[in-house]
C-alpha atoms as a PDB file:
ATOM      1  CA  MET A   1     -26.317 -22.543  35.521  1.00  0.00           C
ATOM      2  CA  LEU A   2     -26.097 -19.855  38.201  1.00  0.00           C
ATOM      3  CA  GLU A   3     -26.994 -17.124  35.701  1.00  0.00           C
ATOM      4  CA  SER A   4     -30.008 -19.126  34.527  1.00  0.00           C
ATOM      5  CA  ARG A   5     -31.289 -19.373  38.108  1.00  0.00           C
ATOM      6  CA  LYS A   6     -30.872 -15.649  38.619  1.00  0.00           C
ATOM      7  CA  THR A   7     -32.845 -14.752  35.508  1.00  0.00           C
ATOM      8  CA  SER A   8     -35.617 -17.332  35.970  1.00  0.00           C
ATOM      9  CA  PRO A   9     -37.858 -15.023  38.060  1.00  0.00           C
ATOM     10  CA  ALA A  10     -37.624 -12.409  35.300  1.00  0.00           C
ATOM     11  CA  ARG A  11     -38.527 -15.001  32.689  1.00  0.00           C
ATOM     12  CA  ARG A  12     -41.499 -16.149  34.730  1.00  0.00           C
ATOM     13  CA  PHE A  13     -42.672 -12.561  35.098  1.00  0.00           C
ATOM     14  CA  LEU A  14     -42.300 -12.009  31.344  1.00  0.00           C
ATOM     15  CA  LEU A  15     -44.386 -15.126  30.736  1.00  0.00           C
ATOM     16  CA  PHE A  16     -46.972 -13.843  33.226  1.00  0.00           C
ATOM     17  CA  ILE A  17     -47.194 -10.485  31.390  1.00  0.00           C
ATOM     18  CA  VAL A  18     -47.635 -12.202  28.016  1.00  0.00           C
ATOM     19  CA  VAL A  19     -50.294 -14.587  29.335  1.00  0.00           C
ATOM     20  CA  PHE A  20     -52.055 -11.717  31.101  1.00  0.00           C
ATOM     21  CA  LEU A  21     -52.106  -9.669  27.882  1.00  0.00           C
ATOM     22  CA  ILE A  22     -53.526 -12.578  25.893  1.00  0.00           C
ATOM     23  CA  ALA A  23     -56.131 -13.395  28.558  1.00  0.00           C
ATOM     24  CA  THR A  24     -57.232  -9.751  28.757  1.00  0.00           C
ATOM     25  CA  ASP A  25     -57.468  -9.415  24.978  1.00  0.00           C
ATOM     26  CA  LEU A  26     -59.598 -12.547  24.748  1.00  0.00           C
ATOM     27  CA  ALA A  27     -61.838 -11.430  27.615  1.00  0.00           C
ATOM     28  CA  VAL A  28     -62.334  -8.021  25.985  1.00  0.00           C
ATOM     29  CA  LEU A  29     -62.769  -9.129  22.376  1.00  0.00           C
ATOM     30  CA  LEU A  30     -65.043 -12.056  23.333  1.00  0.00           C
ATOM     31  CA  ASP A  31     -66.887  -9.808  25.812  1.00  0.00           C
ATOM     32  CA  ILE A  32     -66.670 -12.179  28.792  1.00  0.00           C
ATOM     33  CA  PRO A  33     -68.563 -10.483  31.677  1.00  0.00           C
ATOM     34  CA  ILE A  34     -66.742  -9.726  34.941  1.00  0.00           C
ATOM     35  CA  LEU A  35     -63.475 -11.132  33.599  1.00  0.00           C
ATOM     36  CA  ARG A  36     -63.409  -8.385  30.983  1.00  0.00           C
ATOM     37  CA  GLN A  37     -63.921  -5.659  33.561  1.00  0.00           C
ATOM     38  CA  PHE A  38     -61.456  -7.044  36.103  1.00  0.00           C
ATOM     39  CA  LEU A  39     -58.612  -7.906  33.737  1.00  0.00           C
ATOM     40  CA  GLY A  40     -59.156  -4.766  31.675  1.00  0.00           C
ATOM     41  CA  PHE A  41     -58.989  -2.508  34.730  1.00  0.00           C
ATOM     42  CA  VAL A  42     -55.808  -4.144  36.058  1.00  0.00           C
ATOM     43  CA  LEU A  43     -54.166  -4.042  32.636  1.00  0.00           C
ATOM     44  CA  LEU A  44     -54.872  -0.349  32.065  1.00  0.00           C
ATOM     45  CA  THR A  45     -54.191   0.795  35.627  1.00  0.00           C
ATOM     46  CA  VAL A  46     -51.057  -1.120  36.605  1.00  0.00           C
ATOM     47  CA  ILE A  47     -49.242  -2.939  33.777  1.00  0.00           C
ATOM     48  CA  PRO A  48     -48.015   0.048  31.678  1.00  0.00           C
ATOM     49  CA  GLY A  49     -46.596   1.732  34.769  1.00  0.00           C
ATOM     50  CA  LEU A  50     -44.863  -1.439  35.968  1.00  0.00           C
ATOM     51  CA  LEU A  51     -43.169  -1.854  32.610  1.00  0.00           C
ATOM     52  CA  LEU A  52     -42.093   1.782  32.557  1.00  0.00           C
ATOM     53  CA  LEU A  53     -40.626   1.460  36.069  1.00  0.00           C
ATOM     54  CA  SER A  54     -38.502  -1.432  34.826  1.00  0.00           C
ATOM     55  CA  LEU A  55     -37.416   0.562  31.784  1.00  0.00           C
ATOM     56  CA  PHE A  56     -36.439   3.479  34.032  1.00  0.00           C
ATOM     57  CA  LYS A  57     -34.428   1.015  36.197  1.00  0.00           C
ATOM     58  CA  LEU A  58     -35.974   2.160  39.472  1.00  0.00           C
ATOM     59  CA  ASN A  59     -34.989  -1.072  41.202  1.00  0.00           C
ATOM     60  CA  LYS A  60     -34.788   0.058  44.813  1.00  0.00           C
ATOM     61  CA  LEU A  61     -38.334   1.313  45.293  1.00  0.00           C
ATOM     62  CA  ALA A  62     -40.421   0.065  48.197  1.00  0.00           C
ATOM     63  CA  LEU A  63     -43.655  -1.758  47.411  1.00  0.00           C
ATOM     64  CA  ALA A  64     -45.907   1.238  48.183  1.00  0.00           C
ATOM     65  CA  GLU A  65     -43.746   3.582  46.103  1.00  0.00           C
ATOM     66  CA  LYS A  66     -43.759   1.153  43.200  1.00  0.00           C
ATOM     67  CA  PHE A  67     -47.543   0.786  43.386  1.00  0.00           C
ATOM     68  CA  VAL A  68     -48.198   4.542  43.431  1.00  0.00           C
ATOM     69  CA  LEU A  69     -45.765   5.253  40.603  1.00  0.00           C
ATOM     70  CA  ALA A  70     -47.099   2.335  38.551  1.00  0.00           C
ATOM     71  CA  VAL A  71     -50.648   3.694  38.725  1.00  0.00           C
ATOM     72  CA  GLY A  72     -49.553   7.275  38.059  1.00  0.00           C
ATOM     73  CA  LEU A  73     -47.354   6.316  35.111  1.00  0.00           C
ATOM     74  CA  SER A  74     -50.104   4.080  33.709  1.00  0.00           C
ATOM     75  CA  ILE A  75     -52.621   6.938  33.731  1.00  0.00           C
ATOM     76  CA  ALA A  76     -50.127   9.302  32.079  1.00  0.00           C
ATOM     77  CA  PHE A  77     -49.170   6.660  29.527  1.00  0.00           C
ATOM     78  CA  LEU A  78     -52.783   5.936  28.602  1.00  0.00           C
ATOM     79  CA  MET A  79     -53.536   9.601  27.966  1.00  0.00           C
ATOM     80  CA  LEU A  80     -50.373  10.307  25.952  1.00  0.00           C
ATOM     81  CA  PHE A  81     -50.440   7.019  24.028  1.00  0.00           C
ATOM     82  CA  GLY A  82     -54.177   7.344  23.458  1.00  0.00           C
ATOM     83  CA  LEU A  83     -53.813  10.848  22.042  1.00  0.00           C
ATOM     84  CA  ALA A  84     -50.892   9.932  19.754  1.00  0.00           C
ATOM     85  CA  PHE A  85     -52.561   6.702  18.604  1.00  0.00           C
ATOM     86  CA  ASP A  86     -55.904   8.403  17.987  1.00  0.00           C
ATOM     87  CA  GLN A  87     -54.476  11.291  15.975  1.00  0.00           C
ATOM     88  CA  ALA A  88     -52.150   9.071  13.932  1.00  0.00           C
ATOM     89  CA  LEU A  89     -54.811   6.533  12.989  1.00  0.00           C
ATOM     90  CA  PHE A  90     -57.363   9.251  12.247  1.00  0.00           C
ATOM     91  CA  ALA A  91     -54.861  11.017   9.964  1.00  0.00           C
ATOM     92  CA  LEU A  92     -54.426   7.734   8.086  1.00  0.00           C
ATOM     93  CA  GLY A  93     -58.151   7.643   7.393  1.00  0.00           C
ATOM     94  CA  TYR A  94     -59.468   5.415  10.203  1.00  0.00           C
ATOM     95  CA  ALA A  95     -62.604   7.130  11.497  1.00  0.00           C
ATOM     96  CA  THR A  96     -62.904   5.463  14.941  1.00  0.00           C
ATOM     97  CA  PRO A  97     -59.409   4.751  16.342  1.00  0.00           C
ATOM     98  CA  LEU A  98     -60.681   4.697  19.942  1.00  0.00           C
ATOM     99  CA  SER A  99     -63.091   1.838  19.278  1.00  0.00           C
ATOM    100  CA  THR A 100     -62.406  -1.435  21.063  1.00  0.00           C
ATOM    101  CA  THR A 101     -60.707  -3.613  18.440  1.00  0.00           C
ATOM    102  CA  PRO A 102     -57.947  -1.283  17.168  1.00  0.00           C
ATOM    103  CA  LEU A 103     -57.256   0.071  20.648  1.00  0.00           C
ATOM    104  CA  VAL A 104     -56.925  -3.391  22.210  1.00  0.00           C
ATOM    105  CA  ILE A 105     -54.692  -4.709  19.420  1.00  0.00           C
ATOM    106  CA  PHE A 106     -52.319  -1.746  19.261  1.00  0.00           C
ATOM    107  CA  LEU A 107     -52.065  -1.256  23.031  1.00  0.00           C
ATOM    108  CA  SER A 108     -51.284  -4.946  23.501  1.00  0.00           C
ATOM    109  CA  ILE A 109     -48.559  -4.759  20.857  1.00  0.00           C
ATOM    110  CA  ILE A 110     -46.998  -1.708  22.526  1.00  0.00           C
ATOM    111  CA  LEU A 111     -47.111  -3.330  25.983  1.00  0.00           C
ATOM    112  CA  PHE A 112     -45.626  -6.547  24.607  1.00  0.00           C
ATOM    113  CA  ILE A 113     -42.744  -4.579  23.054  1.00  0.00           C
ATOM    114  CA  LEU A 114     -42.193  -2.690  26.334  1.00  0.00           C
ATOM    115  CA  ALA A 115     -42.165  -6.001  28.225  1.00  0.00           C
ATOM    116  CA  ILE A 116     -39.509  -7.475  25.926  1.00  0.00           C
ATOM    117  CA  ILE A 117     -37.330  -4.348  26.175  1.00  0.00           C
ATOM    118  CA  ALA A 118     -37.718  -4.220  29.979  1.00  0.00           C
ATOM    119  CA  TYR A 119     -36.777  -7.900  30.241  1.00  0.00           C
ATOM    120  CA  LYS A 120     -33.706  -7.463  28.053  1.00  0.00           C
ATOM    121  CA  THR A 121     -32.440  -4.276  29.687  1.00  0.00           C
ATOM    122  CA  ASN A 122     -33.307  -4.707  33.364  1.00  0.00           C
ATOM    123  CA  LYS A 123     -33.765  -8.314  34.445  1.00  0.00           C
ATOM    124  CA  GLU A 124     -33.018  -7.421  38.055  1.00  0.00           C
ATOM    125  CA  SER A 125     -36.156  -5.274  38.337  1.00  0.00           C
ATOM    126  CA  PHE A 126     -38.257  -7.262  35.893  1.00  0.00           C
ATOM    127  CA  SER A 127     -39.581  -9.768  38.392  1.00  0.00           C
ATOM    128  CA  PHE A 128     -42.316 -10.217  40.936  1.00  0.00           C
ATOM    129  CA  ASN A 129     -41.571 -11.273  44.499  1.00  0.00           C
ATOM    130  CA  LEU A 130     -44.521 -12.587  46.501  1.00  0.00           C
ATOM    131  CA  SER A 131     -42.510 -12.275  49.707  1.00  0.00           C
ATOM    132  CA  ASN A 132     -43.205  -8.516  49.622  1.00  0.00           C
ATOM    133  CA  PHE A 133     -46.843  -9.306  50.432  1.00  0.00           C
ATOM    134  CA  GLU A 134     -46.163 -11.592  53.382  1.00  0.00           C
ATOM    135  CA  LEU A 135     -47.537 -10.265  56.674  1.00  0.00           C
ATOM    136  CA  SER A 136     -46.799 -11.250  60.242  1.00  0.00           C
ATOM    137  CA  THR A 137     -49.573 -12.180  62.673  1.00  0.00           C
ATOM    138  CA  ARG A 138     -49.421  -8.724  64.272  1.00  0.00           C
ATOM    139  CA  GLU A 139     -49.662  -6.990  60.893  1.00  0.00           C
ATOM    140  CA  LYS A 140     -52.661  -9.110  59.920  1.00  0.00           C
ATOM    141  CA  ALA A 141     -54.346  -8.314  63.227  1.00  0.00           C
ATOM    142  CA  PHE A 142     -53.969  -4.562  62.722  1.00  0.00           C
ATOM    143  CA  LEU A 143     -55.328  -4.793  59.153  1.00  0.00           C
ATOM    144  CA  LEU A 144     -58.274  -7.076  59.941  1.00  0.00           C
ATOM    145  CA  LEU A 145     -60.746  -4.319  60.834  1.00  0.00           C
ATOM    146  CA  PRO A 146     -59.627  -1.784  58.169  1.00  0.00           C
ATOM    147  CA  SER A 147     -59.967  -4.447  55.464  1.00  0.00           C
ATOM    148  CA  LEU A 148     -63.701  -4.473  56.263  1.00  0.00           C
ATOM    149  CA  PHE A 149     -64.070  -0.699  55.739  1.00  0.00           C
ATOM    150  CA  PRO A 150     -64.698  -0.911  51.946  1.00  0.00           C
ATOM    151  CA  PHE A 151     -67.272  -3.660  52.538  1.00  0.00           C
ATOM    152  CA  LEU A 152     -69.034  -1.528  55.169  1.00  0.00           C
ATOM    153  CA  SER A 153     -68.930   1.443  52.797  1.00  0.00           C
ATOM    154  CA  ILE A 154     -70.527  -0.397  49.872  1.00  0.00           C
ATOM    155  CA  CYS A 155     -73.114  -2.231  51.972  1.00  0.00           C
ATOM    156  CA  GLY A 156     -73.863   0.872  54.025  1.00  0.00           C
ATOM    157  CA  VAL A 157     -74.527   2.998  50.941  1.00  0.00           C
ATOM    158  CA  HIS A 158     -76.735   0.267  49.465  1.00  0.00           C
ATOM    159  CA  LEU A 159     -78.692   0.069  52.718  1.00  0.00           C
ATOM    160  CA  MET A 160     -79.030   3.843  52.752  1.00  0.00           C
ATOM    161  CA  ASN A 161     -80.193   3.993  49.120  1.00  0.00           C
ATOM    162  CA  THR A 162     -82.783   1.248  49.507  1.00  0.00           C
ATOM    163  CA  THR A 163     -84.128   1.746  53.041  1.00  0.00           C
ATOM    164  CA  ASP A 164     -82.933   5.220  54.149  1.00  0.00           C
ATOM    165  CA  ASN A 165     -81.160   3.479  57.039  1.00  0.00           C
ATOM    166  CA  ASN A 166     -77.784   5.075  57.740  1.00  0.00           C
ATOM    167  CA  VAL A 167     -76.758   2.964  60.752  1.00  0.00           C
ATOM    168  CA  MET A 168     -74.000   1.129  58.905  1.00  0.00           C
ATOM    169  CA  LEU A 169     -72.602   4.336  57.417  1.00  0.00           C
ATOM    170  CA  MET A 170     -72.627   6.047  60.814  1.00  0.00           C
ATOM    171  CA  ALA A 171     -70.770   3.055  62.267  1.00  0.00           C
ATOM    172  CA  LEU A 172     -68.189   3.312  59.484  1.00  0.00           C
ATOM    173  CA  LEU A 173     -67.709   7.054  59.984  1.00  0.00           C
ATOM    174  CA  PHE A 174     -67.193   6.418  63.685  1.00  0.00           C
ATOM    175  CA  LEU A 175     -64.842   3.463  63.254  1.00  0.00           C
ATOM    176  CA  ILE A 176     -62.474   5.191  60.815  1.00  0.00           C
ATOM    177  CA  PRO A 177     -61.411   8.137  63.046  1.00  0.00           C
ATOM    178  CA  ALA A 178     -61.545   5.909  66.145  1.00  0.00           C
ATOM    179  CA  TYR A 179     -59.159   3.463  64.511  1.00  0.00           C
ATOM    180  CA  ALA A 180     -56.880   6.295  63.349  1.00  0.00           C
ATOM    181  CA  ILE A 181     -56.689   7.522  66.950  1.00  0.00           C
ATOM    182  CA  LEU A 182     -55.950   3.979  68.135  1.00  0.00           C
ATOM    183  CA  ILE A 183     -53.115   3.673  65.618  1.00  0.00           C
ATOM    184  CA  ALA A 184     -51.691   7.045  66.711  1.00  0.00           C
ATOM    185  CA  VAL A 185     -51.817   6.087  70.394  1.00  0.00           C
ATOM    186  CA  MET A 186     -50.370   2.599  69.864  1.00  0.00           C
ATOM    187  CA  HIS A 187     -47.804   3.696  67.286  1.00  0.00           C
ATOM    188  CA  ARG A 188     -44.975   1.872  69.052  1.00  0.00           C
ATOM    189  CA  GLN A 189     -46.766  -1.449  68.590  1.00  0.00           C
ATOM    190  CA  VAL A 190     -47.966  -0.715  65.041  1.00  0.00           C
ATOM    191  CA  PRO A 191     -45.694  -2.078  62.269  1.00  0.00           C
ATOM    192  CA  GLU A 192     -44.915   0.709  59.816  1.00  0.00           C
ATOM    193  CA  LYS A 193     -45.368  -1.738  56.953  1.00  0.00           C
ATOM    194  CA  ILE A 194     -49.169  -1.672  57.330  1.00  0.00           C
ATOM    195  CA  TYR A 195     -49.575   2.107  56.998  1.00  0.00           C
ATOM    196  CA  PRO A 196     -49.937   2.128  53.162  1.00  0.00           C
ATOM    197  CA  ALA A 197     -52.585  -0.632  53.196  1.00  0.00           C
ATOM    198  CA  LEU A 198     -54.427   1.053  56.069  1.00  0.00           C
ATOM    199  CA  ILE A 199     -54.443   4.396  54.234  1.00  0.00           C
ATOM    200  CA  PHE A 200     -55.714   2.771  51.043  1.00  0.00           C
ATOM    201  CA  PHE A 201     -58.586   0.982  52.841  1.00  0.00           C
ATOM    202  CA  ILE A 202     -59.687   4.233  54.499  1.00  0.00           C
ATOM    203  CA  SER A 203     -59.304   6.226  51.289  1.00  0.00           C
ATOM    204  CA  ILE A 204     -61.422   4.001  49.055  1.00  0.00           C
ATOM    205  CA  SER A 205     -64.047   3.591  51.793  1.00  0.00           C
ATOM    206  CA  LEU A 206     -64.542   7.355  52.185  1.00  0.00           C
ATOM    207  CA  LEU A 207     -64.620   8.006  48.446  1.00  0.00           C
ATOM    208  CA  LEU A 208     -67.240   5.332  47.768  1.00  0.00           C
ATOM    209  CA  VAL A 209     -69.567   6.622  50.495  1.00  0.00           C
ATOM    210  CA  ILE A 210     -70.415   9.756  48.508  1.00  0.00           C
ATOM    211  CA  SER A 211     -69.761   8.458  45.009  1.00  0.00           C
ATOM    212  CA  LEU A 212     -72.248   5.578  45.366  1.00  0.00           C
ATOM    213  CA  ARG A 213     -74.844   7.594  47.314  1.00  0.00           C
ATOM    214  CA  SER A 214     -76.998   8.011  44.189  1.00  0.00           C
ATOM    215  CA  ASN A 215     -77.775   5.722  41.285  1.00  0.00           C
ATOM    216  CA  HIS A 216     -76.538   8.512  39.043  1.00  0.00           C
ATOM    217  CA  ILE A 217     -73.653  10.979  38.915  1.00  0.00           C
ATOM    218  CA  ILE A 218     -73.443  13.447  41.796  1.00  0.00           C
ATOM    219  CA  GLY A 219     -71.960  16.899  41.313  1.00  0.00           C
ATOM    220  CA  MET A 220     -72.156  20.015  39.179  1.00  0.00           C
ATOM    221  CA  ASP A 221     -69.391  20.074  36.572  1.00  0.00           C
ATOM    222  CA  ARG A 222     -69.421  16.278  36.490  1.00  0.00           C
ATOM    223  CA  HIS A 223     -72.515  16.217  34.266  1.00  0.00           C
ATOM    224  CA  TYR A 224     -70.866  18.643  31.878  1.00  0.00           C
ATOM    225  CA  GLU A 225     -67.724  16.514  31.829  1.00  0.00           C
ATOM    226  CA  TYR A 226     -69.727  13.318  31.475  1.00  0.00           C
ATOM    227  CA  ASN A 227     -71.315  14.747  28.344  1.00  0.00           C
ATOM    228  CA  PHE A 228     -67.864  15.328  26.817  1.00  0.00           C
ATOM    229  CA  PHE A 229     -66.955  11.717  27.552  1.00  0.00           C
ATOM    230  CA  LEU A 230     -70.162  10.426  25.923  1.00  0.00           C
ATOM    231  CA  LEU A 231     -69.581  12.467  22.774  1.00  0.00           C
ATOM    232  CA  ILE A 232     -65.976  11.312  22.378  1.00  0.00           C
ATOM    233  CA  SER A 233     -66.867   7.700  23.208  1.00  0.00           C
ATOM    234  CA  GLN A 234     -69.717   7.623  20.708  1.00  0.00           C
ATOM    235  CA  GLN A 235     -67.695   9.056  17.830  1.00  0.00           C
ATOM    236  CA  GLY A 236     -64.604   6.952  18.666  1.00  0.00           C
ATOM    237  CA  HIS A 237     -62.206   9.819  18.044  1.00  0.00           C
ATOM    238  CA  TRP A 238     -60.860  12.547  20.319  1.00  0.00           C
ATOM    239  CA  GLN A 239     -61.161  16.187  19.309  1.00  0.00           C
ATOM    240  CA  LEU A 240     -61.888  19.579  20.832  1.00  0.00           C
ATOM    241  CA  LEU A 241     -65.636  20.027  20.802  1.00  0.00           C
ATOM    242  CA  THR A 242     -66.160  23.441  22.408  1.00  0.00           C
ATOM    243  CA  LYS A 243     -62.527  24.594  22.729  1.00  0.00           C
ATOM    244  CA  THR A 244     -62.749  25.162  26.476  1.00  0.00           C
ATOM    245  CA  VAL A 245     -60.280  24.336  29.254  1.00  0.00           C
ATOM    246  CA  ILE A 246     -62.396  21.417  30.473  1.00  0.00           C
ATOM    247  CA  ASP A 247     -62.853  20.139  26.935  1.00  0.00           C
ATOM    248  CA  SER A 248     -59.090  20.023  26.374  1.00  0.00           C
ATOM    249  CA  CYS A 249     -58.431  18.000  29.555  1.00  0.00           C
ATOM    250  CA  LEU A 250     -57.573  14.461  28.407  1.00  0.00           C
ATOM    251  CA  SER A 251     -58.597  12.908  31.734  1.00  0.00           C
ATOM    252  CA  ILE A 252     -62.182  14.068  31.147  1.00  0.00           C
ATOM    253  CA  SER A 253     -62.872  12.688  27.688  1.00  0.00           C
ATOM    254  CA  LEU A 254     -59.977  10.593  26.341  1.00  0.00           C
ATOM    255  CA  LEU A 255     -59.050   8.599  29.466  1.00  0.00           C
ATOM    256  CA  PRO A 256     -62.587   7.376  30.296  1.00  0.00           C
ATOM    257  CA  THR A 257     -63.111   6.560  26.603  1.00  0.00           C
ATOM    258  CA  ILE A 258     -60.098   4.223  26.699  1.00  0.00           C
ATOM    259  CA  TYR A 259     -61.394   2.574  29.884  1.00  0.00           C
ATOM    260  CA  GLN A 260     -64.850   2.259  28.338  1.00  0.00           C
ATOM    261  CA  SER A 261     -63.460   0.581  25.213  1.00  0.00           C
ATOM    262  CA  PHE A 262     -61.855  -2.081  27.418  1.00  0.00           C
ATOM    263  CA  LEU A 263     -64.409  -2.442  30.216  1.00  0.00           C
ATOM    264  CA  SER A 264     -67.711  -1.836  28.396  1.00  0.00           C
ATOM    265  CA  ILE A 265     -69.699  -0.847  31.490  1.00  0.00           C
ATOM    266  CA  ASN A 266     -72.347   1.750  32.206  1.00  0.00           C
ATOM    267  CA  GLY A 267     -70.629   5.071  31.528  1.00  0.00           C
ATOM    268  CA  GLU A 268     -71.832   6.522  34.810  1.00  0.00           C
ATOM    269  CA  TYR A 269     -70.009   3.798  36.741  1.00  0.00           C
ATOM    270  CA  LEU A 270     -66.751   4.901  35.167  1.00  0.00           C
ATOM    271  CA  PHE A 271     -67.238   8.193  36.979  1.00  0.00           C
ATOM    272  CA  LYS A 272     -68.800   6.691  40.109  1.00  0.00           C
ATOM    273  CA  VAL A 273     -66.441   3.719  40.698  1.00  0.00           C
ATOM    274  CA  VAL A 274     -63.396   3.690  38.397  1.00  0.00           C
ATOM    275  CA  TYR A 275     -62.351   7.287  39.065  1.00  0.00           C
ATOM    276  CA  PRO A 276     -62.640   6.946  42.879  1.00  0.00           C
ATOM    277  CA  LEU A 277     -60.464   3.825  42.618  1.00  0.00           C
ATOM    278  CA  LEU A 278     -57.843   5.783  40.680  1.00  0.00           C
ATOM    279  CA  PHE A 279     -58.092   8.817  42.961  1.00  0.00           C
ATOM    280  CA  SER A 280     -57.788   6.687  46.095  1.00  0.00           C
ATOM    281  CA  ILE A 281     -53.989   6.505  45.749  1.00  0.00           C
ATOM    282  CA  THR A 282     -53.559  10.252  46.383  1.00  0.00           C
ATOM    283  CA  PRO A 283     -53.424   9.852  50.213  1.00  0.00           C
ATOM    284  CA  LEU A 284     -50.638   7.337  49.619  1.00  0.00           C
ATOM    285  CA  VAL A 285     -48.761  10.025  47.709  1.00  0.00           C
ATOM    286  CA  VAL A 286     -49.166  12.342  50.701  1.00  0.00           C
ATOM    287  CA  TYR A 287     -47.911   9.584  53.003  1.00  0.00           C
ATOM    288  CA  LEU A 288     -44.861   8.722  50.912  1.00  0.00           C
ATOM    289  CA  ILE A 289     -43.790  12.349  50.514  1.00  0.00           C
ATOM    290  CA  SER A 290     -44.398  13.203  54.184  1.00  0.00           C
ATOM    291  CA  LYS A 291     -42.586  10.090  55.375  1.00  0.00           C
ATOM    292  CA  LYS A 292     -39.302  11.395  53.971  1.00  0.00           C
ATOM    293  CA  TYR A 293     -39.473  14.415  56.291  1.00  0.00           C
ATOM    294  CA  ILE A 294     -41.501  13.522  59.396  1.00  0.00           C
ATOM    295  CA  GLY A 295     -41.429   9.729  59.654  1.00  0.00           C
ATOM    296  CA  GLY A 296     -44.092   7.052  59.218  1.00  0.00           C
ATOM    297  CA  ARG A 297     -46.281   7.877  62.236  1.00  0.00           C
ATOM    298  CA  TYR A 298     -46.754  11.559  61.418  1.00  0.00           C
ATOM    299  CA  ALA A 299     -46.948  10.817  57.700  1.00  0.00           C
ATOM    300  CA  PHE A 300     -49.934   8.577  58.450  1.00  0.00           C
ATOM    301  CA  LEU A 301     -51.580  11.415  60.370  1.00  0.00           C
ATOM    302  CA  ALA A 302     -50.811  13.805  57.489  1.00  0.00           C
ATOM    303  CA  SER A 303     -52.502  11.495  54.998  1.00  0.00           C
ATOM    304  CA  PHE A 304     -55.475  11.075  57.333  1.00  0.00           C
ATOM    305  CA  PHE A 305     -55.760  14.869  57.635  1.00  0.00           C
ATOM    306  CA  PHE A 306     -55.717  15.058  53.826  1.00  0.00           C
ATOM    307  CA  MET A 307     -58.527  12.488  53.588  1.00  0.00           C
ATOM    308  CA  ALA A 308     -60.603  14.479  56.107  1.00  0.00           C
ATOM    309  CA  GLN A 309     -60.800  17.511  53.794  1.00  0.00           C
ATOM    310  CA  ALA A 310     -64.001  18.286  51.910  1.00  0.00           C
ATOM    311  CA  GLY A 311     -62.032  18.593  48.676  1.00  0.00           C
ATOM    312  CA  PHE A 312     -61.025  14.945  48.969  1.00  0.00           C
ATOM    313  CA  LEU A 313     -64.367  13.585  50.194  1.00  0.00           C
ATOM    314  CA  TRP A 314     -66.397  15.164  47.405  1.00  0.00           C
ATOM    315  CA  PRO A 315     -66.647  12.844  44.362  1.00  0.00           C
ATOM    316  CA  PRO A 316     -63.252  13.159  42.639  1.00  0.00           C
ATOM    317  CA  GLY A 317     -63.222  15.242  39.504  1.00  0.00           C
ATOM    318  CA  ARG A 318     -61.579  14.096  36.336  1.00  0.00           C
ATOM    319  CA  THR A 319     -59.346  17.173  36.354  1.00  0.00           C
ATOM    320  CA  GLN A 320     -57.917  16.018  39.710  1.00  0.00           C
ATOM    321  CA  ILE A 321     -56.694  12.839  38.049  1.00  0.00           C
END
């Protein structure tokens, strides 16, 4: 009886994974708007990495570490699985292995198998605890304003694009450093638990300001890379087209093709929205590494310094992923 109680959270999480896989597959195959994009993005970006973390038995990770590693492992898994799956199916005579139906079916089967193995081998880690997301009143108060930063970023860019009015964007670009200074000054009253969320809100807000500034892709090499993605997506099979360094980078052509097969959105928005969302975890990586050596307060400042660099603010390249 006691053992059954201990394993019940793992069983519930396994059931959640299975239901989530089925719901995502139905949303994708039936082409249900919004639901397809949301569930497909979460499935591709988080679920493979979470399952791999359980398989690797990394049970003592903090929430922020688990989130960063889950996203990073998911991206790596998608590229390596996508390449192996594409080449194997193409060798067997299937002309378009990266099209939606075969990719959804085979990826779901692989993730289901990984979920079963993770459940059987590491029930302690294979669970989901909502208590990790509980915040005190003080923590909520410190995150109230930063949680509005992405909203100000999106609305400010829209206002700028439609009316040439940059008041909201100027307010955002003033509030972000002002709030960072406030956090640094009041560090004794600031709970360290909120630093990862605060960094993420600032990161995605800054990235979207430039990425959404135009209705089309901004940059130089990005148009060249976007063309590679279109060619691979249209033919449904990955191959070297021009035999260049950029052409051989899986994050430029293969990765967005997999996302496109699941999400089915305007290809430009993959580069303008999806990639900034993926790239927005890099300041968290800086924070987590720095924290081991200089503590939470200075690690926050290190991540903020990283976000203030032109190389970060410019629309993220696919090679950076």
